[in-house]
C-alpha atoms as a PDB file:
ATOM      1  CA  UNK A   1     -16.687   4.246  -9.506  1.00  0.00           C
ATOM      2  CA  UNK A   2     -17.105   7.987  -9.388  1.00  0.00           C
ATOM      3  CA  UNK A   3     -20.507   9.410  -8.509  1.00  0.00           C
ATOM      4  CA  UNK A   4     -22.169  10.443 -11.711  1.00  0.00           C
ATOM      5  CA  UNK A   5     -25.460  11.673 -13.114  1.00  0.00           C
ATOM      6  CA  UNK A   6     -28.343   9.441 -12.094  1.00  0.00           C
ATOM      7  CA  UNK A   7     -31.068   8.483 -14.525  1.00  0.00           C
ATOM      8  CA  UNK A   8     -33.962   6.136 -13.906  1.00  0.00           C
ATOM      9  CA  UNK A   9     -35.023   4.686 -17.221  1.00  0.00           C
ATOM     10  CA  UNK A  10     -38.793   4.976 -17.304  1.00  0.00           C
ATOM     11  CA  UNK A  11     -38.854   2.909 -20.507  1.00  0.00           C
ATOM     12  CA  UNK A  12     -37.782  -0.100 -18.461  1.00  0.00           C
ATOM     13  CA  UNK A  13     -41.078  -0.216 -16.579  1.00  0.00           C
ATOM     14  CA  UNK A  14     -43.702  -2.786 -17.441  1.00  0.00           C
ATOM     15  CA  UNK A  15     -46.819  -0.695 -17.734  1.00  0.00           C
ATOM     16  CA  UNK A  16     -45.454   1.556 -14.990  1.00  0.00           C
ATOM     17  CA  UNK A  17     -46.933  -0.777 -12.379  1.00  0.00           C
ATOM     18  CA  UNK A  18     -45.666  -1.387  -8.860  1.00  0.00           C
ATOM     19  CA  UNK A  19     -46.035  -4.639  -6.987  1.00  0.00           C
ATOM     20  CA  UNK A  20     -46.153  -5.212  -3.259  1.00  0.00           C
ATOM     21  CA  UNK A  21     -43.270  -7.013  -1.588  1.00  0.00           C
ATOM     22  CA  UNK A  22     -39.547  -6.502  -1.871  1.00  0.00           C
ATOM     23  CA  UNK A  23     -36.869  -7.203  -4.445  1.00  0.00           C
ATOM     24  CA  UNK A  24     -37.736 -10.258  -6.540  1.00  0.00           C
ATOM     25  CA  UNK A  25     -40.767 -10.804  -4.284  1.00  0.00           C
ATOM     26  CA  UNK A  26     -38.571 -11.421  -1.244  1.00  0.00           C
ATOM     27  CA  UNK A  27     -40.079 -13.648   1.400  1.00  0.00           C
ATOM     28  CA  UNK A  28     -39.899 -12.537   5.068  1.00  0.00           C
ATOM     29  CA  UNK A  29     -36.955 -14.867   5.787  1.00  0.00           C
ATOM     30  CA  UNK A  30     -35.011 -14.056   2.598  1.00  0.00           C
ATOM     31  CA  UNK A  31     -31.528 -12.595   2.844  1.00  0.00           C
ATOM     32  CA  UNK A  32     -31.167  -8.869   2.277  1.00  0.00           C
ATOM     33  CA  UNK A  33     -30.140  -7.609  -1.160  1.00  0.00           C
ATOM     34  CA  UNK A  34     -26.739  -5.888  -1.035  1.00  0.00           C
ATOM     35  CA  UNK A  35     -24.959  -3.424  -3.307  1.00  0.00           C
ATOM     36  CA  UNK A  36     -21.573  -1.703  -3.046  1.00  0.00           C
ATOM     37  CA  UNK A  37     -19.697   1.050  -4.802  1.00  0.00           C
ATOM     38  CA  UNK A  38     -16.344   2.830  -4.780  1.00  0.00           C
ATOM     39  CA  UNK A  39     -15.032   6.384  -5.135  1.00  0.00           C
ATOM     40  CA  UNK A  40     -16.481   7.027  -2.615  1.00  0.00           C
ATOM     41  CA  UNK A  41     -17.012   3.675  -0.903  1.00  0.00           C
ATOM     42  CA  UNK A  42     -20.670   3.053  -0.131  1.00  0.00           C
ATOM     43  CA  UNK A  43     -23.002   0.170   0.670  1.00  0.00           C
ATOM     44  CA  UNK A  44     -26.732  -0.451   0.378  1.00  0.00           C
ATOM     45  CA  UNK A  45     -29.008  -3.126   1.821  1.00  0.00           C
ATOM     46  CA  UNK A  46     -32.642  -3.752   0.971  1.00  0.00           C
ATOM     47  CA  UNK A  47     -34.854  -6.113   2.947  1.00  0.00           C
ATOM     48  CA  UNK A  48     -38.574  -6.471   3.546  1.00  0.00           C
ATOM     49  CA  UNK A  49     -38.634  -3.622   6.075  1.00  0.00           C
ATOM     50  CA  UNK A  50     -35.987  -1.019   5.248  1.00  0.00           C
ATOM     51  CA  UNK A  51     -33.485   0.268   2.707  1.00  0.00           C
ATOM     52  CA  UNK A  52     -30.243   1.441   4.356  1.00  0.00           C
ATOM     53  CA  UNK A  53     -27.446   3.395   2.647  1.00  0.00           C
ATOM     54  CA  UNK A  54     -24.070   4.240   4.211  1.00  0.00           C
ATOM     55  CA  UNK A  55     -21.053   6.063   2.822  1.00  0.00           C
ATOM     56  CA  UNK A  56     -17.468   5.854   4.074  1.00  0.00           C
ATOM     57  CA  UNK A  57     -16.393   9.029   5.858  1.00  0.00           C
ATOM     58  CA  UNK A  58     -19.948  10.112   6.673  1.00  0.00           C
ATOM     59  CA  UNK A  59     -21.608   9.511  10.014  1.00  0.00           C
ATOM     60  CA  UNK A  60     -24.843   7.599  10.193  1.00  0.00           C
ATOM     61  CA  UNK A  61     -26.967   5.774   7.648  1.00  0.00           C
ATOM     62  CA  UNK A  62     -29.844   6.922   5.508  1.00  0.00           C
ATOM     63  CA  UNK A  63     -32.591   4.450   6.390  1.00  0.00           C
ATOM     64  CA  UNK A  64     -36.091   4.494   4.931  1.00  0.00           C
ATOM     65  CA  UNK A  65     -38.987   2.024   4.835  1.00  0.00           C
ATOM     66  CA  UNK A  66     -38.766  -0.251   1.804  1.00  0.00           C
ATOM     67  CA  UNK A  67     -41.340   0.965  -0.743  1.00  0.00           C
ATOM     68  CA  UNK A  68     -43.265  -1.126  -3.221  1.00  0.00           C
ATOM     69  CA  UNK A  69     -40.927  -2.331  -5.937  1.00  0.00           C
ATOM     70  CA  UNK A  70     -41.498  -1.246  -9.535  1.00  0.00           C
ATOM     71  CA  UNK A  71     -40.653  -4.241 -11.734  1.00  0.00           C
ATOM     72  CA  UNK A  72     -39.204  -3.412 -15.138  1.00  0.00           C
ATOM     73  CA  UNK A  73     -37.971  -5.393 -18.106  1.00  0.00           C
ATOM     74  CA  UNK A  74     -34.323  -4.959 -17.052  1.00  0.00           C
ATOM     75  CA  UNK A  75     -34.634  -4.889 -13.267  1.00  0.00           C
ATOM     76  CA  UNK A  76     -36.293  -3.160 -10.321  1.00  0.00           C
ATOM     77  CA  UNK A  77     -36.776   0.409  -9.117  1.00  0.00           C
ATOM     78  CA  UNK A  78     -37.387   1.627  -5.558  1.00  0.00           C
ATOM     79  CA  UNK A  79     -38.470   5.241  -4.976  1.00  0.00           C
ATOM     80  CA  UNK A  80     -38.726   7.239  -1.768  1.00  0.00           C
ATOM     81  CA  UNK A  81     -38.286  11.006  -1.151  1.00  0.00           C
ATOM     82  CA  UNK A  82     -34.733  10.537   0.214  1.00  0.00           C
ATOM     83  CA  UNK A  83     -33.498   7.339  -1.398  1.00  0.00           C
ATOM     84  CA  UNK A  84     -34.000   5.992  -4.929  1.00  0.00           C
ATOM     85  CA  UNK A  85     -32.524   2.754  -6.270  1.00  0.00           C
ATOM     86  CA  UNK A  86     -32.414   1.476  -9.856  1.00  0.00           C
ATOM     87  CA  UNK A  87     -31.239  -2.151 -10.286  1.00  0.00           C
ATOM     88  CA  UNK A  88     -30.341  -3.239 -13.817  1.00  0.00           C
ATOM     89  CA  UNK A  89     -29.779  -6.935 -14.566  1.00  0.00           C
ATOM     90  CA  UNK A  90     -26.409  -6.712 -16.308  1.00  0.00           C
ATOM     91  CA  UNK A  91     -22.987  -7.965 -15.211  1.00  0.00           C
ATOM     92  CA  UNK A  92     -20.976  -5.424 -13.251  1.00  0.00           C
ATOM     93  CA  UNK A  93     -17.422  -5.038 -11.935  1.00  0.00           C
ATOM     94  CA  UNK A  94     -16.483  -2.240  -9.564  1.00  0.00           C
ATOM     95  CA  UNK A  95     -12.893  -2.161 -10.836  1.00  0.00           C
ATOM     96  CA  UNK A  96     -11.405  -2.448  -7.332  1.00  0.00           C
ATOM     97  CA  UNK A  97     -11.364  -6.268  -7.013  1.00  0.00           C
ATOM     98  CA  UNK A  98     -11.682  -9.396  -9.147  1.00  0.00           C
ATOM     99  CA  UNK A  99     -15.349  -9.859  -8.221  1.00  0.00           C
ATOM    100  CA  UNK A 100     -18.113  -9.740 -10.818  1.00  0.00           C
ATOM    101  CA  UNK A 101     -21.717  -9.089  -9.777  1.00  0.00           C
ATOM    102  CA  UNK A 102     -24.999  -9.846 -11.566  1.00  0.00           C
ATOM    103  CA  UNK A 103     -26.415  -6.296 -11.331  1.00  0.00           C
ATOM    104  CA  UNK A 104     -25.516  -2.691 -12.027  1.00  0.00           C
ATOM    105  CA  UNK A 105     -26.985  -0.421  -9.343  1.00  0.00           C
ATOM    106  CA  UNK A 106     -27.694   3.325  -9.455  1.00  0.00           C
ATOM    107  CA  UNK A 107     -28.547   5.123  -6.223  1.00  0.00           C
ATOM    108  CA  UNK A 108     -29.687   8.664  -5.488  1.00  0.00           C
ATOM    109  CA  UNK A 109     -29.427   9.757  -1.846  1.00  0.00           C
ATOM    110  CA  UNK A 110     -30.664  13.219  -0.850  1.00  0.00           C
ATOM    111  CA  UNK A 111     -29.974  14.370  -4.409  1.00  0.00           C
ATOM    112  CA  UNK A 112     -26.468  12.838  -4.646  1.00  0.00           C
ATOM    113  CA  UNK A 113     -25.858  10.144  -7.297  1.00  0.00           C
ATOM    114  CA  UNK A 114     -23.828   6.936  -6.942  1.00  0.00           C
ATOM    115  CA  UNK A 115     -23.148   3.915  -9.130  1.00  0.00           C
ATOM    116  CA  UNK A 116     -21.992   0.442  -8.152  1.00  0.00           C
ATOM    117  CA  UNK A 117     -22.703  -3.280  -8.315  1.00  0.00           C
ATOM    118  CA  UNK A 118     -25.179  -5.496  -6.511  1.00  0.00           C
ATOM    119  CA  UNK A 119     -26.324  -9.027  -5.820  1.00  0.00           C
ATOM    120  CA  UNK A 120     -24.367 -12.089  -4.726  1.00  0.00           C
ATOM    121  CA  UNK A 121     -20.939 -12.101  -6.452  1.00  0.00           C
ATOM    122  CA  UNK A 122     -20.796 -14.534  -9.371  1.00  0.00           C
ATOM    123  CA  UNK A 123     -18.499 -17.550  -9.458  1.00  0.00           C
ATOM    124  CA  UNK A 124     -15.146 -16.636 -11.025  1.00  0.00           C
ATOM    125  CA  UNK A 125     -14.446 -17.964 -14.495  1.00  0.00           C
ATOM    126  CA  UNK A 126     -11.341 -19.725 -13.147  1.00  0.00           C
ATOM    127  CA  UNK A 127      -9.378 -20.029  -9.905  1.00  0.00           C
ATOM    128  CA  UNK A 128      -6.440 -18.087 -11.371  1.00  0.00           C
ATOM    129  CA  UNK A 129      -5.634 -14.928  -9.393  1.00  0.00           C
ATOM    130  CA  UNK A 130      -8.231 -15.557  -6.685  1.00  0.00           C
ATOM    131  CA  UNK A 131      -7.582 -15.343  -2.940  1.00  0.00           C
ATOM    132  CA  UNK A 132      -9.419 -17.246  -0.209  1.00  0.00           C
ATOM    133  CA  UNK A 133      -9.525 -17.306   3.576  1.00  0.00           C
ATOM    134  CA  UNK A 134      -9.894 -20.690   5.295  1.00  0.00           C
ATOM    135  CA  UNK A 135     -13.092 -21.208   7.286  1.00  0.00           C
ATOM    136  CA  UNK A 136     -12.767 -24.862   8.272  1.00  0.00           C
ATOM    137  CA  UNK A 137     -10.950 -28.127   7.637  1.00  0.00           C
ATOM    138  CA  UNK A 138     -12.980 -31.328   8.044  1.00  0.00           C
ATOM    139  CA  UNK A 139     -15.692 -29.362   9.805  1.00  0.00           C
ATOM    140  CA  UNK A 140     -13.337 -27.838  12.385  1.00  0.00           C
ATOM    141  CA  UNK A 141     -13.130 -24.028  12.357  1.00  0.00           C
ATOM    142  CA  UNK A 142      -9.777 -22.446  11.561  1.00  0.00           C
ATOM    143  CA  UNK A 143      -8.711 -19.147  13.109  1.00  0.00           C
ATOM    144  CA  UNK A 144     -10.067 -16.292  10.987  1.00  0.00           C
ATOM    145  CA  UNK A 145      -7.731 -13.766   9.434  1.00  0.00           C
ATOM    146  CA  UNK A 146      -5.042 -13.442   6.758  1.00  0.00           C
ATOM    147  CA  UNK A 147      -2.718 -15.994   8.411  1.00  0.00           C
ATOM    148  CA  UNK A 148      -4.746 -18.928   7.042  1.00  0.00           C
ATOM    149  CA  UNK A 149      -5.346 -18.784   3.307  1.00  0.00           C
ATOM    150  CA  UNK A 150      -5.413 -20.486  -0.093  1.00  0.00           C
ATOM    151  CA  UNK A 151      -4.186 -18.429  -3.075  1.00  0.00           C
ATOM    152  CA  UNK A 152      -4.169 -19.319  -6.743  1.00  0.00           C
ATOM    153  CA  UNK A 153      -2.052 -17.770  -9.483  1.00  0.00           C
ATOM    154  CA  UNK A 154      -2.279 -18.890 -13.105  1.00  0.00           C
ATOM    155  CA  UNK A 155      -0.760 -22.309 -12.396  1.00  0.00           C
ATOM    156  CA  UNK A 156       0.368 -22.369  -8.762  1.00  0.00           C
ATOM    157  CA  UNK A 157      -1.398 -22.664  -5.425  1.00  0.00           C
ATOM    158  CA  UNK A 158      -0.078 -21.592  -2.018  1.00  0.00           C
ATOM    159  CA  UNK A 159      -1.781 -22.240   1.306  1.00  0.00           C
ATOM    160  CA  UNK A 160      -1.412 -21.997   5.070  1.00  0.00           C
ATOM    161  CA  UNK A 161      -3.523 -23.727   7.705  1.00  0.00           C
ATOM    162  CA  UNK A 162      -2.087 -22.442  10.974  1.00  0.00           C
ATOM    163  CA  UNK A 163       1.611 -23.266  10.775  1.00  0.00           C
ATOM    164  CA  UNK A 164       3.595 -23.956   7.604  1.00  0.00           C
ATOM    165  CA  UNK A 165       3.159 -22.502   4.146  1.00  0.00           C
ATOM    166  CA  UNK A 166       2.805 -25.028   1.321  1.00  0.00           C
ATOM    167  CA  UNK A 167       2.891 -24.407  -2.413  1.00  0.00           C
ATOM    168  CA  UNK A 168       3.061 -26.129  -5.767  1.00  0.00           C
ATOM    169  CA  UNK A 169       1.502 -26.425  -9.198  1.00  0.00           C
ATOM    170  CA  UNK A 170      -2.163 -27.184  -9.817  1.00  0.00           C
ATOM    171  CA  UNK A 171      -4.458 -27.905 -12.740  1.00  0.00           C
ATOM    172  CA  UNK A 172      -8.238 -27.833 -13.030  1.00  0.00           C
ATOM    173  CA  UNK A 173      -9.993 -30.230 -15.372  1.00  0.00           C
ATOM    174  CA  UNK A 174     -13.746 -29.801 -15.471  1.00  0.00           C
ATOM    175  CA  UNK A 175     -14.775 -29.463 -11.831  1.00  0.00           C
ATOM    176  CA  UNK A 176     -11.731 -31.298 -10.440  1.00  0.00           C
ATOM    177  CA  UNK A 177      -8.568 -29.715  -9.040  1.00  0.00           C
ATOM    178  CA  UNK A 178      -5.305 -31.647  -8.838  1.00  0.00           C
ATOM    179  CA  UNK A 179      -2.480 -30.043  -6.871  1.00  0.00           C
ATOM    180  CA  UNK A 180       0.121 -32.787  -6.994  1.00  0.00           C
ATOM    181  CA  UNK A 181       3.051 -32.750  -4.556  1.00  0.00           C
ATOM    182  CA  UNK A 182       3.238 -29.545  -2.503  1.00  0.00           C
ATOM    183  CA  UNK A 183       6.469 -28.264  -0.953  1.00  0.00           C
ATOM    184  CA  UNK A 184       6.163 -26.890   2.589  1.00  0.00           C
ATOM    185  CA  UNK A 185       8.192 -25.067   5.210  1.00  0.00           C
ATOM    186  CA  UNK A 186       9.219 -27.144   8.231  1.00  0.00           C
ATOM    187  CA  UNK A 187       8.175 -25.298  11.366  1.00  0.00           C
ATOM    188  CA  UNK A 188       6.814 -27.234  14.348  1.00  0.00           C
ATOM    189  CA  UNK A 189       3.690 -25.780  15.960  1.00  0.00           C
ATOM    190  CA  UNK A 190       1.665 -26.809  19.049  1.00  0.00           C
ATOM    191  CA  UNK A 191      -1.354 -27.941  17.031  1.00  0.00           C
ATOM    192  CA  UNK A 192      -0.859 -29.011  13.430  1.00  0.00           C
ATOM    193  CA  UNK A 193      -4.092 -30.999  13.054  1.00  0.00           C
ATOM    194  CA  UNK A 194      -5.704 -28.638  10.530  1.00  0.00           C
ATOM    195  CA  UNK A 195      -2.517 -28.476   8.473  1.00  0.00           C
ATOM    196  CA  UNK A 196      -2.050 -32.243   8.419  1.00  0.00           C
ATOM    197  CA  UNK A 197      -5.680 -32.838   7.438  1.00  0.00           C
ATOM    198  CA  UNK A 198      -5.540 -30.151   4.730  1.00  0.00           C
ATOM    199  CA  UNK A 199      -2.302 -31.578   3.309  1.00  0.00           C
ATOM    200  CA  UNK A 200      -3.986 -34.980   3.040  1.00  0.00           C
ATOM    201  CA  UNK A 201      -6.940 -33.452   1.194  1.00  0.00           C
ATOM    202  CA  UNK A 202      -4.738 -31.471  -1.198  1.00  0.00           C
ATOM    203  CA  UNK A 203      -2.671 -34.549  -2.040  1.00  0.00           C
ATOM    204  CA  UNK A 204      -5.606 -36.149  -3.874  1.00  0.00           C
ATOM    205  CA  UNK A 205      -7.857 -34.917  -6.738  1.00  0.00           C
ATOM    206  CA  UNK A 206     -10.436 -32.503  -5.336  1.00  0.00           C
ATOM    207  CA  UNK A 207     -14.002 -31.739  -6.349  1.00  0.00           C
ATOM    208  CA  UNK A 208     -14.770 -27.999  -6.494  1.00  0.00           C
ATOM    209  CA  UNK A 209     -18.116 -27.468  -4.761  1.00  0.00           C
ATOM    210  CA  UNK A 210     -19.381 -23.906  -5.260  1.00  0.00           C
ATOM    211  CA  UNK A 211     -22.162 -22.786  -2.904  1.00  0.00           C
ATOM    212  CA  UNK A 212     -21.837 -19.203  -4.196  1.00  0.00           C
ATOM    213  CA  UNK A 213     -19.289 -16.929  -5.799  1.00  0.00           C
ATOM    214  CA  UNK A 214     -18.031 -16.133  -2.298  1.00  0.00           C
ATOM    215  CA  UNK A 215     -17.722 -19.645  -0.876  1.00  0.00           C
ATOM    216  CA  UNK A 216     -15.945 -22.729  -2.217  1.00  0.00           C
ATOM    217  CA  UNK A 217     -15.539 -26.193  -0.693  1.00  0.00           C
ATOM    218  CA  UNK A 218     -12.625 -28.409  -1.704  1.00  0.00           C
ATOM    219  CA  UNK A 219     -13.856 -31.962  -1.194  1.00  0.00           C
ATOM    220  CA  UNK A 220     -12.662 -35.554  -1.654  1.00  0.00           C
ATOM    221  CA  UNK A 221     -12.532 -38.854   0.251  1.00  0.00           C
ATOM    222  CA  UNK A 222      -9.894 -37.368   2.601  1.00  0.00           C
ATOM    223  CA  UNK A 223     -12.258 -34.635   3.826  1.00  0.00           C
ATOM    224  CA  UNK A 224     -13.174 -31.030   3.033  1.00  0.00           C
ATOM    225  CA  UNK A 225     -11.752 -27.511   3.180  1.00  0.00           C
ATOM    226  CA  UNK A 226     -14.246 -24.628   3.239  1.00  0.00           C
ATOM    227  CA  UNK A 227     -12.982 -21.325   1.763  1.00  0.00           C
ATOM    228  CA  UNK A 228     -14.382 -17.798   1.556  1.00  0.00           C
ATOM    229  CA  UNK A 229     -13.300 -15.159  -0.969  1.00  0.00           C
ATOM    230  CA  UNK A 230     -10.952 -12.480   0.313  1.00  0.00           C
ATOM    231  CA  UNK A 231      -9.442  -9.384  -1.287  1.00  0.00           C
END
């Protein structure tokens, strides 16, 4: 999204009070809050100690101590002399991918304004038109990168687990995916264990186990395939 005028909505504050601690009363071991934006590309992290903002094409980060959070009806506000953040609890899409986030985020850095989305990406409404990289098959890691993937169109799935590409139709009923018979290329590779195990899993109805909007486990009696969202 293009940088645009930045406005912190004072009316969102509850009595204008600030509370100690970080976003949503983060505990010391809680994961950092993350936000991203486009045009220009930028990223923000907030943890118990620091807020850090970086922008593509610019050297260095703007890093400041995390201030007390101001809790409002619609979200949170963080204010420091160099970096201000306004988090609004409303669904947000950055327009550059199929991801949807729980928050809209406004940032002002040294007087420059940015808008984007924040929080852990939400689960997609369906598998259609989503792309995934393969993390593991039956607990065994698979080589990272675009060579190993699972991709869904409206009614077809294609996948690769180190050697051959397989594809076919699929349907989702409730939380169960059924892929049916998948056609595959016929190359021979030195180690086809992951592919053979994955083919066995995909041949039977699969339970969709979402741990987040970014990670999905395909699971049944034959084993499990762990996937992570990709562009």
